[in-house]
Amino acid sequence: MTIKKLISIADIEKLSAEKKNECLVTPDTIITPAAVDLAEERGIQFVKHDFSANESNAHTASDKIVSDIFQLLKNKDVLQALITSLKDEPYTSERDESGVEIILGKSVRMDSFVEGNKRICGQILFKNETKNTEAGLLMLEETDFSIRTKSQELNLILEGELSVKINGKSYKAQAGDLVSIPAGIQLERSTPRKAKIFYVRS
């Protein structure tokens, strides 16, 4: 089907070659007299169609969809659910409406970052900027790093063994042990194999 503002003999010849018997035209289409004669000879009928009505209906439907979306977004629960679904959470958790949240430990994605001058794997699980509190997981493997603590820190050894060296002395902490480090302390932490640590800084 051909839709043009000007219909000529060439258009009718093309429709005939394509074995079509209809030519759609709009109210403002101009049809040459020769095209009218040839169309009659070839058995092709001109069918008038107002596409503006279809476009108007399409716009109306589209406007309604947009309006419905805005109405949905006014609902705080729907908006929060949408925001949550778009977040690239580094872990899977179950949250109660009371605010209680269970983070599934096996689902935590351990990202690589720099601690002092060493690259470590870890993930922040909780952070309160107002109270300068942070908690998360660290994974060390055959590495050591030296750092001056900016805040008080607690290290709970979940797996493996952690060596702490300070003032020329070395201390070993194993799974289940808790290491308490004051703020402003220069110390070295290392592990001969692998250690998984839950830390809290405040």
Protein backbone atom coordinates (compact mmCIF):
# COMPACT_ATOMS: atom_id res chain seq x y z
CA MET A 1 0.00 0.00 0.00
CA THR A 2 1.29 3.44 -0.94
CA ILE A 3 0.48 6.65 0.84
CA LYS A 4 1.61 9.87 -0.81
CA LYS A 5 0.44 13.44 -1.16
CA LEU A 6 0.65 13.07 -4.94
CA ILE A 7 -0.47 9.92 -6.75
CA SER A 8 0.79 9.59 -10.31
CA ILE A 9 0.73 6.97 -13.07
CA ALA A 10 4.01 5.57 -11.74
CA ASP A 11 2.37 4.84 -8.37
CA ILE A 12 -0.52 3.03 -10.04
CA GLU A 13 1.89 1.05 -12.25
CA LYS A 14 3.77 -0.05 -9.11
CA LEU A 15 0.59 -1.12 -7.31
CA SER A 16 -0.50 -3.05 -10.38
CA ALA A 17 2.86 -4.81 -10.61
CA GLU A 18 2.53 -5.75 -6.94
CA LYS A 19 -0.99 -7.07 -7.73
CA LYS A 20 -2.62 -4.73 -5.24
CA ASN A 21 -6.15 -3.49 -5.79
CA GLU A 22 -6.23 -0.65 -3.25
CA CYS A 23 -4.40 2.66 -2.93
CA LEU A 24 -4.69 4.39 0.43
CA VAL A 25 -4.99 8.14 0.24
CA THR A 26 -5.39 10.87 2.83
CA PRO A 27 -7.88 13.76 2.56
CA ASP A 28 -5.09 16.04 1.28
CA THR A 29 -3.76 13.60 -1.35
CA ILE A 30 -3.63 14.90 -4.95
CA ILE A 31 -4.40 12.32 -7.65
CA THR A 32 -3.52 13.10 -11.23
CA PRO A 33 -6.29 12.52 -13.84
CA ALA A 34 -4.06 10.06 -15.69
CA ALA A 35 -3.60 8.09 -12.47
CA VAL A 36 -7.39 7.98 -11.98
CA ASP A 37 -7.91 6.61 -15.50
CA LEU A 38 -5.15 4.00 -15.16
CA ALA A 39 -6.41 2.90 -11.74
CA GLU A 40 -9.89 2.37 -13.17
CA GLU A 41 -8.41 0.40 -16.06
CA ARG A 42 -6.34 -1.81 -13.72
CA GLY A 43 -9.16 -2.31 -11.20
CA ILE A 44 -7.44 -0.36 -8.42
CA GLN A 45 -9.65 1.55 -6.01
CA PHE A 46 -8.71 4.67 -4.05
CA VAL A 47 -9.51 4.20 -0.36
CA LYS A 48 -9.63 7.33 1.76
CA HIS A 49 -8.23 7.02 5.27
CA ASP A 50 -7.80 9.68 7.95
CA PHE A 51 -4.58 8.76 9.78
CA SER A 52 -4.81 11.82 12.02
CA ALA A 53 -7.64 10.14 13.97
CA ASN A 54 -5.44 7.09 14.67
CA GLU A 55 -2.55 9.32 15.71
CA SER A 56 -4.87 11.23 18.04
CA ASN A 57 -6.07 8.00 19.65
CA ALA A 58 -2.48 6.80 20.02
CA HIS A 59 -1.47 10.05 21.71
CA THR A 60 -4.47 9.82 24.05
CA ALA A 61 -3.53 6.26 25.06
CA SER A 62 0.11 7.25 25.53
CA ASP A 63 -0.85 10.25 27.68
CA LYS A 64 -3.02 8.00 29.86
CA ILE A 65 -0.15 5.55 30.39
CA VAL A 66 2.17 8.39 31.43
CA SER A 67 -0.48 9.77 33.78
CA ASP A 68 -1.00 6.34 35.35
CA ILE A 69 2.76 5.96 35.90
CA PHE A 70 2.96 9.33 37.66
CA GLN A 71 0.04 8.35 39.87
CA LEU A 72 1.83 5.12 40.83
CA LEU A 73 5.04 6.98 41.64
CA LYS A 74 3.13 9.19 44.09
CA ASN A 75 2.69 6.08 46.21
CA LYS A 76 5.72 6.02 48.54
CA ASP A 77 5.67 2.21 48.88
CA VAL A 78 5.70 1.72 45.11
CA LEU A 79 8.46 4.32 44.67
CA GLN A 80 10.61 2.73 47.39
CA ALA A 81 10.14 -0.72 45.87
CA LEU A 82 11.19 0.64 42.48
CA ILE A 83 14.30 2.33 43.90
CA THR A 84 15.25 -0.83 45.79
CA SER A 85 14.88 -2.97 42.66
CA LEU A 86 17.17 -0.63 40.71
CA LYS A 87 19.93 -0.67 43.30
CA ASP A 88 22.93 -2.85 42.67
CA GLU A 89 23.03 -4.27 46.18
CA PRO A 90 26.29 -6.06 47.06
CA TYR A 91 24.36 -8.67 49.04
CA THR A 92 20.97 -10.31 49.48
CA SER A 93 19.01 -9.51 52.59
CA GLU A 94 15.64 -10.03 54.23
CA ARG A 95 14.12 -6.90 55.77
CA ASP A 96 11.20 -6.64 58.17
CA GLU A 97 8.96 -3.56 58.09
CA SER A 98 10.23 -2.80 61.61
CA GLY A 99 13.70 -2.15 60.16
CA VAL A 100 15.26 -5.47 61.20
CA GLU A 101 17.45 -6.77 58.37
CA ILE A 102 19.16 -10.12 57.90
CA ILE A 103 22.10 -10.02 55.48
CA LEU A 104 22.81 -13.42 53.98
CA GLY A 105 26.53 -13.87 54.51
CA LYS A 106 27.11 -16.22 51.60
CA SER A 107 25.57 -13.67 49.22
CA VAL A 108 27.97 -10.81 50.06
CA ARG A 109 29.96 -9.66 47.03
CA MET A 110 33.57 -8.95 48.03
CA ASP A 111 34.93 -5.96 46.09
CA SER A 112 38.59 -5.13 45.66
CA PHE A 113 39.87 -1.88 47.21
CA VAL A 114 43.05 -0.30 48.54
CA GLU A 115 43.81 -0.33 52.27
CA GLY A 116 47.01 1.61 52.90
CA ASN A 117 49.27 0.46 50.07
CA LYS A 118 47.74 -3.00 49.66
CA ARG A 119 44.76 -4.22 47.67
CA ILE A 120 42.22 -5.98 49.86
CA CYS A 121 38.84 -7.63 49.22
CA GLY A 122 35.92 -6.50 51.32
CA GLN A 123 32.44 -5.06 51.51
CA ILE A 124 30.82 -2.35 53.63
CA LEU A 125 27.60 -3.71 55.12
CA PHE A 126 26.62 -0.74 57.30
CA LYS A 127 27.58 2.93 57.34
CA ASN A 128 26.34 5.87 59.40
CA GLU A 129 27.96 9.10 58.23
CA THR A 130 26.51 11.10 61.13
CA LYS A 131 28.02 8.86 63.81
CA ASN A 132 31.12 7.96 61.75
CA THR A 133 30.34 4.29 62.18
CA GLU A 134 31.09 1.59 59.63
CA ALA A 135 30.88 -2.19 59.63
CA GLY A 136 31.70 -4.79 57.01
CA LEU A 137 33.72 -7.79 55.92
CA LEU A 138 37.39 -8.09 54.94
CA MET A 139 39.04 -11.00 53.18
CA LEU A 140 42.83 -11.27 53.38
CA GLU A 141 44.86 -13.89 51.56
CA GLU A 142 48.63 -14.25 51.94
CA THR A 143 49.07 -10.52 52.41
CA ASP A 144 50.11 -7.92 54.91
CA PHE A 145 49.43 -4.21 55.25
CA SER A 146 50.41 -1.44 57.62
CA ILE A 147 48.03 1.39 58.48
CA ARG A 148 47.41 4.04 61.12
CA THR A 149 43.86 3.68 62.37
CA LYS A 150 41.72 6.81 62.08
CA SER A 151 39.10 5.51 64.50
CA GLN A 152 38.57 2.79 67.06
CA GLU A 153 38.26 -0.59 65.35
CA LEU A 154 37.09 -4.06 66.32
CA ASN A 155 38.12 -7.10 64.25
CA LEU A 156 36.21 -10.34 64.79
CA ILE A 157 38.05 -13.22 63.12
CA LEU A 158 35.46 -15.38 61.35
CA GLU A 159 37.81 -17.70 59.49
CA GLY A 160 41.55 -18.34 59.37
CA GLU A 161 44.26 -16.58 61.36
CA LEU A 162 45.29 -12.92 61.64
CA SER A 163 48.69 -11.71 62.83
CA VAL A 164 48.94 -8.26 64.40
CA LYS A 165 52.34 -6.61 64.83
CA ILE A 166 52.79 -3.48 66.98
CA ASN A 167 55.73 -1.99 68.87
CA GLY A 168 57.95 -4.83 67.67
CA LYS A 169 55.66 -7.52 69.10
CA SER A 170 53.50 -9.98 67.17
CA TYR A 171 50.11 -11.33 68.27
CA LYS A 172 47.99 -14.04 66.65
CA ALA A 173 44.21 -14.04 66.52
CA GLN A 174 42.29 -17.10 65.35
CA ALA A 175 38.67 -17.77 64.36
CA GLY A 176 36.41 -16.59 67.18
CA ASP A 177 38.95 -14.09 68.57
CA LEU A 178 38.22 -10.35 68.78
CA VAL A 179 40.93 -7.75 68.17
CA SER A 180 40.32 -4.28 69.65
CA ILE A 181 42.40 -1.47 68.13
CA PRO A 182 42.37 2.11 69.49
CA ALA A 183 42.30 5.13 67.17
CA GLY A 184 45.62 6.62 66.03
CA ILE A 185 47.60 3.36 66.30
CA GLN A 186 50.17 2.33 63.70
CA LEU A 187 50.16 -1.45 63.29
CA GLU A 188 50.67 -4.19 60.76
CA ARG A 189 48.12 -6.88 59.99
CA SER A 190 48.95 -10.01 57.99
CA THR A 191 47.83 -13.53 57.29
CA PRO A 192 49.99 -16.48 56.14
CA ARG A 193 47.09 -18.06 54.26
CA LYS A 194 43.57 -16.66 54.40
CA ALA A 195 41.48 -14.77 56.95
CA LYS A 196 37.91 -13.52 56.91
CA ILE A 197 37.19 -10.65 59.29
CA PHE A 198 34.10 -8.79 60.42
CA TYR A 199 35.11 -5.24 61.37
CA VAL A 200 33.46 -2.31 63.10
CA ARG A 201 34.93 1.20 63.00
CA SER A 202 33.63 4.06 65.12
